[in-house]
C-alpha atoms as a PDB file:
ATOM      1  CA  MET A   1     135.532 122.965 -50.175  1.00  0.00           C
ATOM      2  CA  ARG A   2     135.872 119.184 -49.964  1.00  0.00           C
ATOM      3  CA  VAL A   3     136.650 117.208 -53.101  1.00  0.00           C
ATOM      4  CA  PHE A   4     134.801 113.861 -53.155  1.00  0.00           C
ATOM      5  CA  PHE A   5     136.111 110.802 -54.964  1.00  0.00           C
ATOM      6  CA  ARG A   6     134.985 107.208 -55.432  1.00  0.00           C
ATOM      7  CA  VAL A   7     136.801 104.314 -53.797  1.00  0.00           C
ATOM      8  CA  GLU A   8     136.262 100.711 -54.935  1.00  0.00           C
ATOM      9  CA  ARG A   9     136.235  98.250 -52.019  1.00  0.00           C
ATOM     10  CA  GLY A  10     135.525  94.635 -52.889  1.00  0.00           C
ATOM     11  CA  ARG A  11     132.128  94.526 -54.588  1.00  0.00           C
ATOM     12  CA  GLY A  12     130.979  97.863 -53.305  1.00  0.00           C
ATOM     13  CA  THR A  13     131.702 101.502 -53.928  1.00  0.00           C
ATOM     14  CA  VAL A  14     132.053 104.134 -51.197  1.00  0.00           C
ATOM     15  CA  TRP A  15     132.498 107.872 -51.387  1.00  0.00           C
ATOM     16  CA  ALA A  16     135.222 109.646 -49.473  1.00  0.00           C
ATOM     17  CA  TYR A  17     136.634 113.140 -49.528  1.00  0.00           C
ATOM     18  CA  MET A  18     140.038 114.750 -49.551  1.00  0.00           C
ATOM     19  CA  ALA A  19     140.400 118.242 -48.108  1.00  0.00           C
ATOM     20  CA  THR A  20     142.055 120.754 -50.414  1.00  0.00           C
ATOM     21  CA  ASP A  21     145.137 122.792 -49.560  1.00  0.00           C
ATOM     22  CA  LYS A  22     143.006 125.901 -49.089  1.00  0.00           C
ATOM     23  CA  ASP A  23     140.600 124.224 -46.669  1.00  0.00           C
ATOM     24  CA  TRP A  24     142.478 124.680 -43.381  1.00  0.00           C
ATOM     25  CA  ASP A  25     139.620 125.811 -41.176  1.00  0.00           C
ATOM     26  CA  SER A  26     139.991 126.822 -37.534  1.00  0.00           C
ATOM     27  CA  GLU A  27     139.154 123.394 -36.123  1.00  0.00           C
ATOM     28  CA  GLU A  28     141.672 121.510 -38.269  1.00  0.00           C
ATOM     29  CA  LEU A  29     144.487 124.014 -37.774  1.00  0.00           C
ATOM     30  CA  ARG A  30     143.886 124.062 -34.020  1.00  0.00           C
ATOM     31  CA  ALA A  31     143.968 120.253 -33.848  1.00  0.00           C
ATOM     32  CA  THR A  32     147.264 120.214 -35.774  1.00  0.00           C
ATOM     33  CA  VAL A  33     148.876 122.802 -33.487  1.00  0.00           C
ATOM     34  CA  GLU A  34     147.558 120.937 -30.415  1.00  0.00           C
ATOM     35  CA  ALA A  35     149.129 117.705 -31.694  1.00  0.00           C
ATOM     36  CA  TYR A  36     152.432 119.488 -32.340  1.00  0.00           C
ATOM     37  CA  VAL A  37     152.501 121.119 -28.884  1.00  0.00           C
ATOM     38  CA  GLU A  38     151.669 117.792 -27.227  1.00  0.00           C
ATOM     39  CA  MET A  39     154.565 116.093 -29.021  1.00  0.00           C
ATOM     40  CA  LEU A  40     156.874 118.970 -28.095  1.00  0.00           C
ATOM     41  CA  GLU A  41     155.924 118.574 -24.434  1.00  0.00           C
ATOM     42  CA  HIS A  42     156.570 114.824 -24.646  1.00  0.00           C
ATOM     43  CA  GLU A  43     159.967 115.500 -26.219  1.00  0.00           C
ATOM     44  CA  ARG A  44     160.964 117.960 -23.478  1.00  0.00           C
ATOM     45  CA  ALA A  45     159.860 115.501 -20.805  1.00  0.00           C
ATOM     46  CA  GLY A  46     161.828 112.671 -22.424  1.00  0.00           C
ATOM     47  CA  ASN A  47     158.701 110.637 -23.177  1.00  0.00           C
ATOM     48  CA  ILE A  48     158.473 108.292 -26.163  1.00  0.00           C
ATOM     49  CA  PHE A  49     155.946 109.173 -28.864  1.00  0.00           C
ATOM     50  CA  VAL A  50     155.389 108.393 -32.553  1.00  0.00           C
ATOM     51  CA  LYS A  51     154.832 111.389 -34.811  1.00  0.00           C
ATOM     52  CA  LYS A  52     153.302 109.246 -37.523  1.00  0.00           C
ATOM     53  CA  GLN A  53     150.480 108.208 -35.181  1.00  0.00           C
ATOM     54  CA  TYR A  54     149.550 111.849 -34.615  1.00  0.00           C
ATOM     55  CA  CYS A  55     149.495 112.524 -38.361  1.00  0.00           C
ATOM     56  CA  LYS A  56     147.468 109.364 -38.963  1.00  0.00           C
ATOM     57  CA  LYS A  57     144.863 110.414 -36.383  1.00  0.00           C
ATOM     58  CA  LEU A  58     144.567 113.879 -37.941  1.00  0.00           C
ATOM     59  CA  ALA A  59     144.218 112.331 -41.405  1.00  0.00           C
ATOM     60  CA  ARG A  60     141.375 110.074 -40.219  1.00  0.00           C
ATOM     61  CA  THR A  61     139.607 112.989 -38.552  1.00  0.00           C
ATOM     62  CA  PHE A  62     139.829 115.609 -41.289  1.00  0.00           C
ATOM     63  CA  GLY A  63     140.323 113.643 -44.506  1.00  0.00           C
ATOM     64  CA  ARG A  64     143.661 115.050 -45.574  1.00  0.00           C
ATOM     65  CA  SER A  65     146.766 112.971 -46.315  1.00  0.00           C
ATOM     66  CA  GLU A  66     149.255 112.203 -43.531  1.00  0.00           C
ATOM     67  CA  LYS A  67     151.915 113.961 -45.586  1.00  0.00           C
ATOM     68  CA  ALA A  68     149.868 117.153 -45.508  1.00  0.00           C
ATOM     69  CA  TYR A  69     150.024 117.181 -41.717  1.00  0.00           C
ATOM     70  CA  GLU A  70     153.741 116.454 -41.739  1.00  0.00           C
ATOM     71  CA  ASN A  71     154.193 119.459 -44.016  1.00  0.00           C
ATOM     72  CA  ARG A  72     151.990 121.657 -41.848  1.00  0.00           C
ATOM     73  CA  MET A  73     153.985 120.667 -38.779  1.00  0.00           C
ATOM     74  CA  GLN A  74     157.117 121.769 -40.615  1.00  0.00           C
ATOM     75  CA  ASN A  75     155.370 125.125 -41.066  1.00  0.00           C
ATOM     76  CA  ILE A  76     154.743 125.224 -37.316  1.00  0.00           C
ATOM     77  CA  SER A  77     158.461 124.616 -36.769  1.00  0.00           C
ATOM     78  CA  TYR A  78     159.166 127.518 -39.141  1.00  0.00           C
ATOM     79  CA  VAL A  79     156.870 129.826 -37.164  1.00  0.00           C
ATOM     80  CA  LEU A  80     158.649 128.819 -33.951  1.00  0.00           C
ATOM     81  CA  SER A  81     162.025 129.499 -35.574  1.00  0.00           C
ATOM     82  CA  LEU A  82     160.928 132.998 -36.577  1.00  0.00           C
ATOM     83  CA  VAL A  83     160.087 133.870 -32.969  1.00  0.00           C
ATOM     84  CA  GLY A  84     163.299 132.284 -31.699  1.00  0.00           C
ATOM     85  CA  ARG A  85     161.688 129.239 -30.064  1.00  0.00           C
ATOM     86  CA  SER A  86     162.881 125.629 -30.138  1.00  0.00           C
ATOM     87  CA  TRP A  87     161.003 123.300 -32.464  1.00  0.00           C
ATOM     88  CA  LEU A  88     160.240 119.586 -32.576  1.00  0.00           C
ATOM     89  CA  MET A  89     163.240 117.358 -33.252  1.00  0.00           C
ATOM     90  CA  GLY A  90     163.153 115.908 -36.751  1.00  0.00           C
ATOM     91  CA  VAL A  91     160.475 118.338 -37.968  1.00  0.00           C
ATOM     92  CA  LYS A  92     162.685 120.717 -39.918  1.00  0.00           C
ATOM     93  CA  PRO A  93     161.223 124.202 -40.515  1.00  0.00           C
ATOM     94  CA  ALA A  94     159.645 124.698 -43.959  1.00  0.00           C
ATOM     95  CA  LYS A  95     158.824 128.216 -45.133  1.00  0.00           C
ATOM     96  CA  ASN A  96     156.117 127.358 -47.688  1.00  0.00           C
ATOM     97  CA  VAL A  97     153.377 128.945 -45.589  1.00  0.00           C
ATOM     98  CA  GLY A  98     151.317 132.065 -46.280  1.00  0.00           C
ATOM     99  CA  THR A  99     151.260 135.017 -43.904  1.00  0.00           C
ATOM    100  CA  ASP A 100     147.619 134.415 -42.960  1.00  0.00           C
ATOM    101  CA  ILE A 101     148.109 130.781 -41.938  1.00  0.00           C
ATOM    102  CA  ALA A 102     151.401 131.649 -40.224  1.00  0.00           C
ATOM    103  CA  ALA A 103     149.755 134.379 -38.155  1.00  0.00           C
ATOM    104  CA  ARG A 104     146.973 131.971 -37.158  1.00  0.00           C
ATOM    105  CA  ILE A 105     149.565 129.358 -36.144  1.00  0.00           C
ATOM    106  CA  GLU A 106     151.391 132.003 -34.102  1.00  0.00           C
ATOM    107  CA  ALA A 107     148.174 132.947 -32.270  1.00  0.00           C
ATOM    108  CA  LEU A 108     147.335 129.290 -31.599  1.00  0.00           C
ATOM    109  CA  LEU A 109     150.825 128.624 -30.232  1.00  0.00           C
ATOM    110  CA  GLU A 110     150.363 131.520 -27.830  1.00  0.00           C
ATOM    111  CA  GLU A 111     146.963 130.208 -26.729  1.00  0.00           C
ATOM    112  CA  ILE A 112     147.720 126.471 -26.595  1.00  0.00           C
ATOM    113  CA  GLY A 113     151.416 126.475 -25.749  1.00  0.00           C
ATOM    114  CA  GLY A 114     151.285 129.427 -23.370  1.00  0.00           C
ATOM    115  CA  TYR A 115     153.848 131.426 -25.361  1.00  0.00           C
ATOM    116  CA  ASN A 116     153.793 135.148 -24.655  1.00  0.00           C
ATOM    117  CA  ASP A 117     155.721 136.596 -27.589  1.00  0.00           C
ATOM    118  CA  LEU A 118     155.111 139.740 -29.566  1.00  0.00           C
ATOM    119  CA  PRO A 119     153.216 138.942 -32.815  1.00  0.00           C
ATOM    120  CA  ILE A 120     155.915 139.242 -35.478  1.00  0.00           C
ATOM    121  CA  VAL A 121     155.533 136.261 -37.806  1.00  0.00           C
ATOM    122  CA  ALA A 122     153.397 137.869 -40.528  1.00  0.00           C
ATOM    123  CA  PHE A 123     155.827 140.822 -40.648  1.00  0.00           C
ATOM    124  CA  GLU A 124     158.912 138.566 -40.839  1.00  0.00           C
ATOM    125  CA  ILE A 125     157.470 136.390 -43.617  1.00  0.00           C
ATOM    126  CA  ALA A 126     156.391 139.423 -45.653  1.00  0.00           C
ATOM    127  CA  ALA A 127     159.889 140.904 -45.263  1.00  0.00           C
ATOM    128  CA  ARG A 128     161.558 137.665 -46.369  1.00  0.00           C
ATOM    129  CA  GLU A 129     159.248 137.321 -49.364  1.00  0.00           C
ATOM    130  CA  GLY A 130     160.031 140.898 -50.348  1.00  0.00           C
ATOM    131  CA  ALA A 131     163.773 140.308 -50.041  1.00  0.00           C
ATOM    132  CA  GLY A 132     163.434 137.413 -52.486  1.00  0.00           C
ATOM    133  CA  GLN A 133     161.884 139.567 -55.206  1.00  0.00           C
ATOM    134  CA  LYS A 134     163.967 140.824 -58.118  1.00  0.00           C
ATOM    135  CA  ASN A 135     164.402 144.570 -58.550  1.00  0.00           C
ATOM    136  CA  LEU A 136     162.350 145.448 -55.487  1.00  0.00           C
ATOM    137  CA  ALA A 137     161.344 149.092 -55.706  1.00  0.00           C
ATOM    138  CA  GLN A 138     162.478 151.405 -52.933  1.00  0.00           C
ATOM    139  CA  PRO A 139     159.533 151.719 -50.518  1.00  0.00           C
ATOM    140  CA  ASP A 140     158.202 154.982 -49.153  1.00  0.00           C
ATOM    141  CA  GLY A 141     158.277 153.611 -45.642  1.00  0.00           C
ATOM    142  CA  MET A 142     156.356 155.107 -42.713  1.00  0.00           C
ATOM    143  CA  PRO A 143     157.834 158.421 -41.487  1.00  0.00           C
ATOM    144  CA  VAL A 144     155.257 158.571 -38.678  1.00  0.00           C
ATOM    145  CA  LEU A 145     154.588 155.338 -36.780  1.00  0.00           C
ATOM    146  CA  GLU A 146     151.592 154.294 -34.760  1.00  0.00           C
ATOM    147  CA  SER A 147     152.186 152.540 -31.453  1.00  0.00           C
ATOM    148  CA  ARG A 148     150.285 150.254 -29.117  1.00  0.00           C
ATOM    149  CA  ARG A 149     150.824 148.802 -25.658  1.00  0.00           C
ATOM    150  CA  ILE A 150     151.406 145.057 -25.364  1.00  0.00           C
ATOM    151  CA  SER A 151     151.740 143.093 -22.117  1.00  0.00           C
ATOM    152  CA  VAL A 152     154.863 140.899 -21.965  1.00  0.00           C
ATOM    153  CA  THR A 153     155.831 138.484 -19.188  1.00  0.00           C
ATOM    154  CA  GLN A 154     159.236 139.105 -17.589  1.00  0.00           C
ATOM    155  CA  PHE A 155     160.983 136.539 -15.381  1.00  0.00           C
ATOM    156  CA  GLN A 156     162.779 137.446 -12.165  1.00  0.00           C
ATOM    157  CA  ARG A 157     166.305 136.047 -12.559  1.00  0.00           C
ATOM    158  CA  ASN A 158     169.394 135.773 -10.380  1.00  0.00           C
ATOM    159  CA  PRO A 159     172.134 138.010 -11.880  1.00  0.00           C
ATOM    160  CA  LEU A 160     174.824 135.863 -10.268  1.00  0.00           C
ATOM    161  CA  VAL A 161     173.901 132.974 -12.577  1.00  0.00           C
ATOM    162  CA  GLN A 162     174.746 135.096 -15.605  1.00  0.00           C
ATOM    163  CA  ALA A 163     177.849 136.498 -13.888  1.00  0.00           C
ATOM    164  CA  TRP A 164     179.167 133.003 -13.088  1.00  0.00           C
ATOM    165  CA  VAL A 165     178.538 131.598 -16.579  1.00  0.00           C
ATOM    166  CA  LEU A 166     180.208 134.592 -18.238  1.00  0.00           C
ATOM    167  CA  GLN A 167     183.145 134.295 -15.847  1.00  0.00           C
ATOM    168  CA  GLN A 168     183.564 130.588 -16.617  1.00  0.00           C
ATOM    169  CA  ALA A 169     183.555 131.318 -20.362  1.00  0.00           C
ATOM    170  CA  LYS A 170     186.606 133.595 -19.936  1.00  0.00           C
ATOM    171  CA  GLY A 171     185.676 135.687 -22.937  1.00  0.00           C
ATOM    172  CA  VAL A 172     185.299 132.702 -25.296  1.00  0.00           C
ATOM    173  CA  CYS A 173     182.003 131.693 -26.908  1.00  0.00           C
ATOM    174  CA  GLU A 174     180.911 128.258 -25.722  1.00  0.00           C
ATOM    175  CA  GLY A 175     179.323 127.654 -29.124  1.00  0.00           C
ATOM    176  CA  CYS A 176     181.973 128.379 -31.763  1.00  0.00           C
ATOM    177  CA  GLU A 177     184.812 128.440 -29.177  1.00  0.00           C
ATOM    178  CA  LYS A 178     186.122 131.724 -30.580  1.00  0.00           C
ATOM    179  CA  PRO A 179     186.948 134.889 -28.590  1.00  0.00           C
ATOM    180  CA  ALA A 180     184.121 137.385 -28.089  1.00  0.00           C
ATOM    181  CA  PRO A 181     183.895 139.564 -31.233  1.00  0.00           C
ATOM    182  CA  PHE A 182     184.235 142.846 -29.335  1.00  0.00           C
ATOM    183  CA  ARG A 183     184.290 144.419 -25.876  1.00  0.00           C
ATOM    184  CA  GLY A 184     181.264 146.082 -24.353  1.00  0.00           C
ATOM    185  CA  THR A 185     181.158 149.615 -22.989  1.00  0.00           C
ATOM    186  CA  ASP A 186     182.231 148.162 -19.636  1.00  0.00           C
ATOM    187  CA  GLY A 187     185.450 146.880 -21.225  1.00  0.00           C
ATOM    188  CA  LEU A 188     184.503 143.201 -20.796  1.00  0.00           C
ATOM    189  CA  PRO A 189     184.384 140.657 -23.662  1.00  0.00           C
ATOM    190  CA  TYR A 190     180.840 140.768 -25.029  1.00  0.00           C
ATOM    191  CA  LEU A 191     178.992 137.443 -24.734  1.00  0.00           C
ATOM    192  CA  GLU A 192     175.276 136.795 -24.268  1.00  0.00           C
ATOM    193  CA  LEU A 193     173.555 134.372 -21.905  1.00  0.00           C
ATOM    194  CA  HIS A 194     171.332 131.715 -23.483  1.00  0.00           C
ATOM    195  CA  TYR A 195     169.089 129.183 -21.701  1.00  0.00           C
ATOM    196  CA  LEU A 196     169.073 125.875 -23.581  1.00  0.00           C
ATOM    197  CA  GLN A 197     165.634 125.132 -22.182  1.00  0.00           C
ATOM    198  CA  PRO A 198     163.930 128.554 -22.382  1.00  0.00           C
ATOM    199  CA  LEU A 199     162.507 130.016 -19.185  1.00  0.00           C
ATOM    200  CA  ALA A 200     159.148 130.460 -20.919  1.00  0.00           C
ATOM    201  CA  GLU A 201     159.110 126.725 -21.626  1.00  0.00           C
ATOM    202  CA  GLY A 202     159.841 125.652 -18.052  1.00  0.00           C
ATOM    203  CA  GLY A 203     163.624 125.943 -18.056  1.00  0.00           C
ATOM    204  CA  GLY A 204     165.411 126.960 -14.871  1.00  0.00           C
ATOM    205  CA  ASP A 205     167.603 129.988 -14.186  1.00  0.00           C
ATOM    206  CA  THR A 206     170.571 127.763 -13.346  1.00  0.00           C
ATOM    207  CA  VAL A 207     174.150 127.351 -14.502  1.00  0.00           C
ATOM    208  CA  THR A 208     173.287 123.821 -15.672  1.00  0.00           C
ATOM    209  CA  ASN A 209     170.859 125.319 -18.220  1.00  0.00           C
ATOM    210  CA  ALA A 210     172.828 128.369 -19.367  1.00  0.00           C
ATOM    211  CA  VAL A 211     175.666 129.033 -21.796  1.00  0.00           C
ATOM    212  CA  ALA A 212     177.652 132.077 -22.883  1.00  0.00           C
ATOM    213  CA  LEU A 213     177.429 132.704 -26.629  1.00  0.00           C
ATOM    214  CA  CYS A 214     178.717 135.275 -29.075  1.00  0.00           C
ATOM    215  CA  PRO A 215     175.953 137.292 -30.817  1.00  0.00           C
ATOM    216  CA  ASN A 216     176.314 135.204 -33.992  1.00  0.00           C
ATOM    217  CA  CYS A 217     175.894 131.839 -32.243  1.00  0.00           C
ATOM    218  CA  HIS A 218     173.082 133.269 -30.130  1.00  0.00           C
ATOM    219  CA  ARG A 219     171.123 134.282 -33.236  1.00  0.00           C
ATOM    220  CA  GLU A 220     171.853 130.922 -34.866  1.00  0.00           C
ATOM    221  CA  ILE A 221     170.597 128.925 -31.886  1.00  0.00           C
ATOM    222  CA  HIS A 222     167.336 130.899 -32.013  1.00  0.00           C
ATOM    223  CA  HIS A 223     166.804 131.180 -35.768  1.00  0.00           C
ATOM    224  CA  GLY A 224     169.291 128.952 -37.612  1.00  0.00           C
ATOM    225  CA  ALA A 225     168.500 125.858 -39.662  1.00  0.00           C
ATOM    226  CA  ASN A 226     171.133 123.960 -37.651  1.00  0.00           C
ATOM    227  CA  ALA A 227     169.983 125.209 -34.244  1.00  0.00           C
ATOM    228  CA  GLN A 228     169.182 121.731 -32.925  1.00  0.00           C
ATOM    229  CA  ALA A 229     172.594 120.438 -33.935  1.00  0.00           C
ATOM    230  CA  LEU A 230     174.218 123.331 -32.058  1.00  0.00           C
ATOM    231  CA  VAL A 231     172.141 122.572 -28.952  1.00  0.00           C
ATOM    232  CA  ALA A 232     173.152 118.892 -29.096  1.00  0.00           C
ATOM    233  CA  TRP A 233     176.806 119.871 -29.514  1.00  0.00           C
ATOM    234  CA  LEU A 234     176.668 122.166 -26.467  1.00  0.00           C
ATOM    235  CA  TYR A 235     175.200 119.391 -24.313  1.00  0.00           C
ATOM    236  CA  ASP A 236     178.021 117.103 -25.446  1.00  0.00           C
ATOM    237  CA  THR A 237     180.864 119.566 -24.899  1.00  0.00           C
ATOM    238  CA  VAL A 238     179.926 121.791 -21.934  1.00  0.00           C
ATOM    239  CA  ALA A 239     180.256 119.477 -18.921  1.00  0.00           C
ATOM    240  CA  ARG A 240     178.063 121.446 -16.481  1.00  0.00           C
ATOM    241  CA  LEU A 241     174.935 121.303 -18.673  1.00  0.00           C
ATOM    242  CA  MET A 242     172.072 118.982 -17.731  1.00  0.00           C
ATOM    243  CA  ARG A 243     169.060 118.078 -19.850  1.00  0.00           C
ATOM    244  CA  GLY A 244     165.543 118.508 -18.459  1.00  0.00           C
END
């Protein structure tokens, strides 16, 4: 539903409309995700762009305020954070998004951005909302689970890249600079390889794009509120890393 209102301009009166919060149809949501993905591609390529211009264009097209699109883009960042993807610099994730819209954003990101992740966002948001409830009753759960086959893309990588990066780390996380929290079954300090520019987003399987992280830092760089600050810090402190 569109809410119409009267605008006085000089001697005349014109009618305009403002879309309501519940009026995010497929066309508008797609256009917003397309704008976000385009800006993200510009950012990764090092191109200059103005976020405000994108929001202004969307506002002119669909009749919603520019702020509404800024907020929705924060929701897109939140969806990306839930699936462990990098989000647009300066567009901090905001969780005030329903499971239905979030699932639609997730599907659009897969279609428009070429992401090939398992659909998990609706589940993760529902779980977080449940965890925030007071006196949540113990659920019955699902003793017998249904399953389905899903196709996932796997990249062919050079194991020597991981071996070299782990060797250079010498058992110390390159994020927090603390010793690995435990040893694996092979007796070696347990650290995990992370690509600063993800392979699925065009990053290379090279030592200039990879770091060795403890499990805690690895989860933070994928899902943490300060993930971008950690990425920036790694670029500043690990000499072999190269942007782009």
